[in-house]
Structures are given as structure tokens and as C-alpha cells.
PDB file of N, CA and C in Angstrom:
ATOM      1  N   MET A   1    -164.745 -28.836 -64.397  1.00  0.00           N
ATOM      2  CA  MET A   1    -163.692 -27.948 -63.742  1.00  0.00           C
ATOM      3  C   MET A   1    -162.367 -28.208 -64.322  1.00  0.00           C
ATOM      4  N   LYS A   2    -161.984 -29.495 -64.663  1.00  0.00           N
ATOM      5  CA  LYS A   2    -160.752 -29.840 -65.237  1.00  0.00           C
ATOM      6  C   LYS A   2    -160.469 -29.135 -66.562  1.00  0.00           C
ATOM      7  N   ARG A   3    -161.540 -29.111 -67.459  1.00  0.00           N
ATOM      8  CA  ARG A   3    -161.385 -28.495 -68.750  1.00  0.00           C
ATOM      9  C   ARG A   3    -161.210 -27.018 -68.602  1.00  0.00           C
ATOM     10  N   TYR A   4    -161.842 -26.349 -67.587  1.00  0.00           N
ATOM     11  CA  TYR A   4    -161.650 -24.966 -67.360  1.00  0.00           C
ATOM     12  C   TYR A   4    -160.204 -24.645 -67.010  1.00  0.00           C
ATOM     13  N   LEU A   5    -159.627 -25.480 -66.164  1.00  0.00           N
ATOM     14  CA  LEU A   5    -158.175 -25.333 -65.741  1.00  0.00           C
ATOM     15  C   LEU A   5    -157.230 -25.463 -66.948  1.00  0.00           C
ATOM     16  N   VAL A   6    -157.539 -26.413 -67.759  1.00  0.00           N
ATOM     17  CA  VAL A   6    -156.668 -26.637 -69.020  1.00  0.00           C
ATOM     18  C   VAL A   6    -156.778 -25.450 -69.816  1.00  0.00           C
ATOM     19  N   ASN A   7    -158.007 -25.004 -70.095  1.00  0.00           N
ATOM     20  CA  ASN A   7    -158.159 -23.788 -70.960  1.00  0.00           C
ATOM     21  C   ASN A   7    -157.422 -22.599 -70.364  1.00  0.00           C
ATOM     22  N   LEU A   8    -157.517 -22.377 -69.036  1.00  0.00           N
ATOM     23  CA  LEU A   8    -156.850 -21.295 -68.357  1.00  0.00           C
ATOM     24  C   LEU A   8    -155.303 -21.413 -68.499  1.00  0.00           C
ATOM     25  N   LEU A   9    -154.781 -22.544 -68.396  1.00  0.00           N
ATOM     26  CA  LEU A   9    -153.393 -22.727 -68.534  1.00  0.00           C
ATOM     27  C   LEU A   9    -152.875 -22.426 -70.014  1.00  0.00           C
ATOM     28  N   ILE A  10    -153.635 -22.846 -71.003  1.00  0.00           N
ATOM     29  CA  ILE A  10    -153.352 -22.535 -72.420  1.00  0.00           C
ATOM     30  C   ILE A  10    -153.482 -21.073 -72.664  1.00  0.00           C
ATOM     31  N   ALA A  11    -154.477 -20.392 -72.045  1.00  0.00           N
ATOM     32  CA  ALA A  11    -154.541 -18.955 -72.223  1.00  0.00           C
ATOM     33  C   ALA A  11    -153.339 -18.230 -71.613  1.00  0.00           C
ATOM     34  N   ILE A  12    -152.898 -18.668 -70.460  1.00  0.00           N
ATOM     35  CA  ILE A  12    -151.725 -18.043 -69.867  1.00  0.00           C
ATOM     36  C   ILE A  12    -150.512 -18.271 -70.695  1.00  0.00           C
ATOM     37  N   ASP A  13    -150.427 -19.493 -71.244  1.00  0.00           N
ATOM     38  CA  ASP A  13    -149.264 -19.892 -72.120  1.00  0.00           C
ATOM     39  C   ASP A  13    -149.270 -18.904 -73.388  1.00  0.00           C
ATOM     40  N   GLN A  14    -150.317 -18.744 -74.030  1.00  0.00           N
ATOM     41  CA  GLN A  14    -150.450 -17.915 -75.176  1.00  0.00           C
ATOM     42  C   GLN A  14    -150.140 -16.501 -74.813  1.00  0.00           C
ATOM     43  N   PHE A  15    -150.649 -16.082 -73.722  1.00  0.00           N
ATOM     44  CA  PHE A  15    -150.396 -14.659 -73.237  1.00  0.00           C
ATOM     45  C   PHE A  15    -148.878 -14.455 -73.051  1.00  0.00           C
ATOM     46  N   GLY A  16    -148.254 -15.420 -72.471  1.00  0.00           N
ATOM     47  CA  GLY A  16    -146.744 -15.362 -72.340  1.00  0.00           C
ATOM     48  C   GLY A  16    -146.034 -15.238 -73.593  1.00  0.00           C
ATOM     49  N   ASN A  17    -146.472 -16.062 -74.581  1.00  0.00           N
ATOM     50  CA  ASN A  17    -145.887 -15.986 -75.823  1.00  0.00           C
ATOM     51  C   ASN A  17    -146.120 -14.555 -76.559  1.00  0.00           C
ATOM     52  N   ALA A  18    -147.277 -14.083 -76.355  1.00  0.00           N
ATOM     53  CA  ALA A  18    -147.580 -12.712 -76.885  1.00  0.00           C
ATOM     54  C   ALA A  18    -146.703 -11.641 -76.289  1.00  0.00           C
ATOM     55  N   LEU A  19    -146.426 -11.801 -74.944  1.00  0.00           N
ATOM     56  CA  LEU A  19    -145.633 -10.817 -74.213  1.00  0.00           C
ATOM     57  C   LEU A  19    -144.189 -10.714 -74.837  1.00  0.00           C
ATOM     58  N   PHE A  20    -143.712 -11.853 -75.404  1.00  0.00           N
ATOM     59  CA  PHE A  20    -142.393 -11.882 -75.952  1.00  0.00           C
ATOM     60  C   PHE A  20    -142.471 -11.790 -77.514  1.00  0.00           C
ATOM     61  N   ALA A  21    -143.405 -11.038 -78.006  1.00  0.00           N
ATOM     62  CA  ALA A  21    -143.625 -10.663 -79.438  1.00  0.00           C
ATOM     63  C   ALA A  21    -143.972 -11.844 -80.292  1.00  0.00           C
ATOM     64  N   GLY A  22    -144.648 -12.836 -79.728  1.00  0.00           N
ATOM     65  CA  GLY A  22    -145.053 -13.956 -80.543  1.00  0.00           C
ATOM     66  C   GLY A  22    -146.534 -13.834 -80.916  1.00  0.00           C
ATOM     67  N   ASP A  23    -146.937 -14.785 -81.792  1.00  0.00           N
ATOM     68  CA  ASP A  23    -148.358 -14.800 -82.177  1.00  0.00           C
ATOM     69  C   ASP A  23    -149.282 -15.087 -80.940  1.00  0.00           C
ATOM     70  N   PRO A  24    -150.244 -14.223 -80.619  1.00  0.00           N
ATOM     71  CA  PRO A  24    -151.034 -14.400 -79.353  1.00  0.00           C
ATOM     72  C   PRO A  24    -151.895 -15.686 -79.393  1.00  0.00           C
ATOM     73  N   ASP A  25    -151.973 -16.336 -80.546  1.00  0.00           N
ATOM     74  CA  ASP A  25    -152.787 -17.551 -80.603  1.00  0.00           C
ATOM     75  C   ASP A  25    -151.933 -18.828 -80.710  1.00  0.00           C
ATOM     76  N   GLU A  26    -150.543 -18.677 -80.355  1.00  0.00           N
ATOM     77  CA  GLU A  26    -149.626 -19.744 -80.328  1.00  0.00           C
ATOM     78  C   GLU A  26    -149.023 -19.943 -78.973  1.00  0.00           C
ATOM     79  N   THR A  27    -148.797 -21.226 -78.637  1.00  0.00           N
ATOM     80  CA  THR A  27    -148.171 -21.434 -77.322  1.00  0.00           C
ATOM     81  C   THR A  27    -146.647 -21.326 -77.337  1.00  0.00           C
ATOM     82  N   ILE A  28    -146.102 -21.144 -76.238  1.00  0.00           N
ATOM     83  CA  ILE A  28    -144.674 -20.991 -76.189  1.00  0.00           C
ATOM     84  C   ILE A  28    -144.039 -22.329 -76.610  1.00  0.00           C
ATOM     85  N   SER A  29    -144.609 -23.424 -76.282  1.00  0.00           N
ATOM     86  CA  SER A  29    -144.007 -24.746 -76.762  1.00  0.00           C
ATOM     87  C   SER A  29    -143.985 -24.840 -78.215  1.00  0.00           C
ATOM     88  N   SER A  30    -145.033 -24.401 -78.912  1.00  0.00           N
ATOM     89  CA  SER A  30    -145.051 -24.461 -80.331  1.00  0.00           C
ATOM     90  C   SER A  30    -143.958 -23.566 -80.926  1.00  0.00           C
ATOM     91  N   ARG A  31    -143.833 -22.337 -80.368  1.00  0.00           N
ATOM     92  CA  ARG A  31    -142.789 -21.439 -80.890  1.00  0.00           C
ATOM     93  C   ARG A  31    -141.407 -21.992 -80.584  1.00  0.00           C
ATOM     94  N   ALA A  32    -141.261 -22.566 -79.371  1.00  0.00           N
ATOM     95  CA  ALA A  32    -139.930 -23.158 -79.083  1.00  0.00           C
ATOM     96  C   ALA A  32    -139.570 -24.311 -80.024  1.00  0.00           C
ATOM     97  N   GLY A  33    -140.523 -25.127 -80.258  1.00  0.00           N
ATOM     98  CA  GLY A  33    -140.348 -26.239 -81.187  1.00  0.00           C
ATOM     99  C   GLY A  33    -139.872 -25.788 -82.575  1.00  0.00           C
ATOM    100  N   LYS A  34    -140.535 -24.740 -83.120  1.00  0.00           N
ATOM    101  CA  LYS A  34    -140.141 -24.194 -84.440  1.00  0.00           C
ATOM    102  C   LYS A  34    -138.722 -23.602 -84.295  1.00  0.00           C
ATOM    103  N   ALA A  35    -138.441 -22.958 -83.206  1.00  0.00           N
ATOM    104  CA  ALA A  35    -137.128 -22.362 -83.052  1.00  0.00           C
ATOM    105  C   ALA A  35    -136.081 -23.451 -83.034  1.00  0.00           C
ATOM    106  N   ALA A  36    -136.317 -24.567 -82.334  1.00  0.00           N
ATOM    107  CA  ALA A  36    -135.426 -25.719 -82.212  1.00  0.00           C
ATOM    108  C   ALA A  36    -135.202 -26.325 -83.576  1.00  0.00           C
ATOM    109  N   ARG A  37    -136.251 -26.402 -84.372  1.00  0.00           N
ATOM    110  CA  ARG A  37    -136.045 -26.968 -85.726  1.00  0.00           C
ATOM    111  C   ARG A  37    -135.121 -26.064 -86.538  1.00  0.00           C
ATOM    112  N   ARG A  38    -135.134 -24.765 -86.303  1.00  0.00           N
ATOM    113  CA  ARG A  38    -134.303 -23.869 -87.045  1.00  0.00           C
ATOM    114  C   ARG A  38    -132.845 -23.786 -86.361  1.00  0.00           C
ATOM    115  N   GLY A  39    -132.730 -24.477 -85.337  1.00  0.00           N
ATOM    116  CA  GLY A  39    -131.362 -24.559 -84.604  1.00  0.00           C
ATOM    117  C   GLY A  39    -131.173 -23.411 -83.701  1.00  0.00           C
ATOM    118  N   ARG A  40    -132.169 -22.714 -83.302  1.00  0.00           N
ATOM    119  CA  ARG A  40    -132.071 -21.564 -82.380  1.00  0.00           C
ATOM    120  C   ARG A  40    -131.814 -22.100 -80.997  1.00  0.00           C
ATOM    121  N   ARG A  41    -130.813 -21.550 -80.318  1.00  0.00           N
ATOM    122  CA  ARG A  41    -130.309 -22.098 -79.050  1.00  0.00           C
ATOM    123  C   ARG A  41    -131.431 -22.054 -78.008  1.00  0.00           C
ATOM    124  N   TRP A  42    -132.150 -20.944 -77.932  1.00  0.00           N
ATOM    125  CA  TRP A  42    -133.155 -20.820 -76.884  1.00  0.00           C
ATOM    126  C   TRP A  42    -134.237 -21.837 -77.016  1.00  0.00           C
ATOM    127  N   GLY A  43    -134.616 -22.184 -78.240  1.00  0.00           N
ATOM    128  CA  GLY A  43    -135.643 -23.163 -78.510  1.00  0.00           C
ATOM    129  C   GLY A  43    -135.117 -24.567 -78.101  1.00  0.00           C
ATOM    130  N   CYS A  44    -133.890 -24.857 -78.494  1.00  0.00           N
ATOM    131  CA  CYS A  44    -133.312 -26.151 -78.135  1.00  0.00           C
ATOM    132  C   CYS A  44    -133.232 -26.380 -76.635  1.00  0.00           C
ATOM    133  N   VAL A  45    -132.804 -25.319 -75.889  1.00  0.00           N
ATOM    134  CA  VAL A  45    -132.753 -25.389 -74.427  1.00  0.00           C
ATOM    135  C   VAL A  45    -134.061 -25.575 -73.783  1.00  0.00           C
ATOM    136  N   LEU A  46    -135.108 -24.742 -74.230  1.00  0.00           N
ATOM    137  CA  LEU A  46    -136.456 -24.859 -73.610  1.00  0.00           C
ATOM    138  C   LEU A  46    -137.044 -26.135 -73.892  1.00  0.00           C
ATOM    139  N   CYS A  47    -136.884 -26.641 -75.084  1.00  0.00           N
ATOM    140  CA  CYS A  47    -137.443 -27.958 -75.435  1.00  0.00           C
ATOM    141  C   CYS A  47    -136.845 -29.141 -74.632  1.00  0.00           C
ATOM    142  N   ARG A  48    -135.502 -29.112 -74.329  1.00  0.00           N
ATOM    143  CA  ARG A  48    -134.858 -30.048 -73.495  1.00  0.00           C
ATOM    144  C   ARG A  48    -135.401 -30.013 -72.123  1.00  0.00           C
ATOM    145  N   VAL A  49    -135.670 -28.806 -71.618  1.00  0.00           N
ATOM    146  CA  VAL A  49    -136.284 -28.719 -70.222  1.00  0.00           C
ATOM    147  C   VAL A  49    -137.659 -29.255 -70.211  1.00  0.00           C
ATOM    148  N   LEU A  50    -138.421 -29.026 -71.224  1.00  0.00           N
ATOM    149  CA  LEU A  50    -139.767 -29.541 -71.326  1.00  0.00           C
ATOM    150  C   LEU A  50    -139.860 -31.054 -71.615  1.00  0.00           C
ATOM    151  N   ASP A  51    -138.845 -31.600 -72.106  1.00  0.00           N
ATOM    152  CA  ASP A  51    -138.726 -33.045 -72.273  1.00  0.00           C
ATOM    153  C   ASP A  51    -138.722 -33.797 -71.039  1.00  0.00           C
ATOM    154  N   VAL A  52    -138.331 -33.137 -69.925  1.00  0.00           N
ATOM    155  CA  VAL A  52    -138.324 -33.787 -68.548  1.00  0.00           C
ATOM    156  C   VAL A  52    -139.735 -34.138 -68.194  1.00  0.00           C
ATOM    157  N   PHE A  53    -140.676 -33.265 -68.589  1.00  0.00           N
ATOM    158  CA  PHE A  53    -142.118 -33.466 -68.217  1.00  0.00           C
ATOM    159  C   PHE A  53    -142.824 -34.377 -69.252  1.00  0.00           C
ATOM    160  N   GLU A  54    -142.476 -34.211 -70.582  1.00  0.00           N
ATOM    161  CA  GLU A  54    -143.096 -35.004 -71.623  1.00  0.00           C
ATOM    162  C   GLU A  54    -142.093 -35.075 -72.814  1.00  0.00           C
ATOM    163  N   ARG A  55    -141.794 -36.338 -73.117  1.00  0.00           N
ATOM    164  CA  ARG A  55    -140.822 -36.593 -74.227  1.00  0.00           C
ATOM    165  C   ARG A  55    -141.423 -35.933 -75.482  1.00  0.00           C
ATOM    166  N   ASP A  56    -140.590 -35.178 -76.215  1.00  0.00           N
ATOM    167  CA  ASP A  56    -140.851 -34.506 -77.512  1.00  0.00           C
ATOM    168  C   ASP A  56    -142.027 -33.547 -77.386  1.00  0.00           C
ATOM    169  N   HIS A  57    -142.139 -32.910 -76.270  1.00  0.00           N
ATOM    170  CA  HIS A  57    -143.244 -32.016 -76.022  1.00  0.00           C
ATOM    171  C   HIS A  57    -143.308 -30.942 -77.018  1.00  0.00           C
ATOM    172  N   CYS A  58    -142.235 -30.279 -77.344  1.00  0.00           N
ATOM    173  CA  CYS A  58    -142.244 -29.183 -78.230  1.00  0.00           C
ATOM    174  C   CYS A  58    -142.669 -29.666 -79.766  1.00  0.00           C
ATOM    175  N   GLU A  59    -142.067 -30.748 -80.104  1.00  0.00           N
ATOM    176  CA  GLU A  59    -142.448 -31.316 -81.488  1.00  0.00           C
ATOM    177  C   GLU A  59    -143.932 -31.651 -81.546  1.00  0.00           C
ATOM    178  N   LYS A  60    -144.476 -32.235 -80.488  1.00  0.00           N
ATOM    179  CA  LYS A  60    -145.947 -32.546 -80.394  1.00  0.00           C
ATOM    180  C   LYS A  60    -146.791 -31.302 -80.385  1.00  0.00           C
ATOM    181  N   SER A  61    -146.235 -30.201 -79.866  1.00  0.00           N
ATOM    182  CA  SER A  61    -147.011 -28.972 -79.616  1.00  0.00           C
ATOM    183  C   SER A  61    -146.972 -28.024 -80.867  1.00  0.00           C
ATOM    184  N   ILE A  62    -146.110 -28.248 -81.921  1.00  0.00           N
ATOM    185  CA  ILE A  62    -146.065 -27.334 -83.001  1.00  0.00           C
ATOM    186  C   ILE A  62    -147.371 -27.176 -83.682  1.00  0.00           C
ATOM    187  N   GLU A  63    -147.760 -25.863 -83.871  1.00  0.00           N
ATOM    188  CA  GLU A  63    -148.995 -25.489 -84.583  1.00  0.00           C
ATOM    189  C   GLU A  63    -148.522 -24.847 -85.837  1.00  0.00           C
ATOM    190  N   VAL A  64    -148.634 -25.659 -86.916  1.00  0.00           N
ATOM    191  CA  VAL A  64    -148.093 -25.153 -88.253  1.00  0.00           C
ATOM    192  C   VAL A  64    -148.832 -24.036 -88.780  1.00  0.00           C
ATOM    193  N   ASP A  65    -150.165 -23.877 -88.356  1.00  0.00           N
ATOM    194  CA  ASP A  65    -150.957 -22.782 -88.834  1.00  0.00           C
ATOM    195  C   ASP A  65    -150.921 -21.512 -87.976  1.00  0.00           C
ATOM    196  N   ARG A  66    -150.090 -21.444 -86.963  1.00  0.00           N
ATOM    197  CA  ARG A  66    -149.969 -20.379 -86.113  1.00  0.00           C
ATOM    198  C   ARG A  66    -148.515 -19.910 -86.058  1.00  0.00           C
ATOM    199  N   GLY A  67    -148.409 -18.568 -85.873  1.00  0.00           N
ATOM    200  CA  GLY A  67    -146.952 -18.049 -85.722  1.00  0.00           C
ATOM    201  C   GLY A  67    -146.158 -18.180 -87.005  1.00  0.00           C
ATOM    202  N   ARG A  68    -144.870 -18.046 -86.790  1.00  0.00           N
ATOM    203  CA  ARG A  68    -143.910 -18.133 -87.867  1.00  0.00           C
ATOM    204  C   ARG A  68    -143.744 -19.574 -88.375  1.00  0.00           C
ATOM    205  N   SER A  69    -143.726 -19.717 -89.674  1.00  0.00           N
ATOM    206  CA  SER A  69    -143.706 -21.087 -90.201  1.00  0.00           C
ATOM    207  C   SER A  69    -142.276 -21.623 -90.025  1.00  0.00           C
ATOM    208  N   THR A  70    -142.144 -22.978 -90.222  1.00  0.00           N
ATOM    209  CA  THR A  70    -140.860 -23.592 -90.095  1.00  0.00           C
ATOM    210  C   THR A  70    -140.441 -24.163 -91.443  1.00  0.00           C
ATOM    211  N   PRO A  71    -139.093 -24.370 -91.631  1.00  0.00           N
ATOM    212  CA  PRO A  71    -138.669 -24.932 -92.925  1.00  0.00           C
ATOM    213  C   PRO A  71    -139.098 -26.372 -93.143  1.00  0.00           C
TER     214      PRO A  71
END
């Protein structure tokens, strides 16, 4: 049951990213981490918020093989 809930949350996360014109197979955290690396304000702000729950969450979540690449 726990794995089912985790999978469901990831699917919702990816769906949310797709709604905002992102890669449907990438999470919002991964996209935000890449944006923060590029200095994009929205990415920096979201990553700071997520740091409250898990330190360096966005950095840990970056999927280099999904979505837009980072420098």
C-alpha cells in the first residue's frame, strides 16, 4: 500500500509539471532544481520552500535524462 501511495504522488507531481508545459516524465522538483541552477527566480524560490521539508530536495531530485538539460 505504501509503494502505491508513493507512485500515485509521483504521478500527480509529473502531471502537474506537464500542466505547466514541462516534460510529462519529470517531476516539478527536478524542473525547479534545474531552473535554480540557471538562476531562475521561480526555481530558487520553490527550492527554498521545499528545503523546509528536505534539505537540498531539488538538487537531489534533478533528473538529468528528463526535461530540459542544465549547464
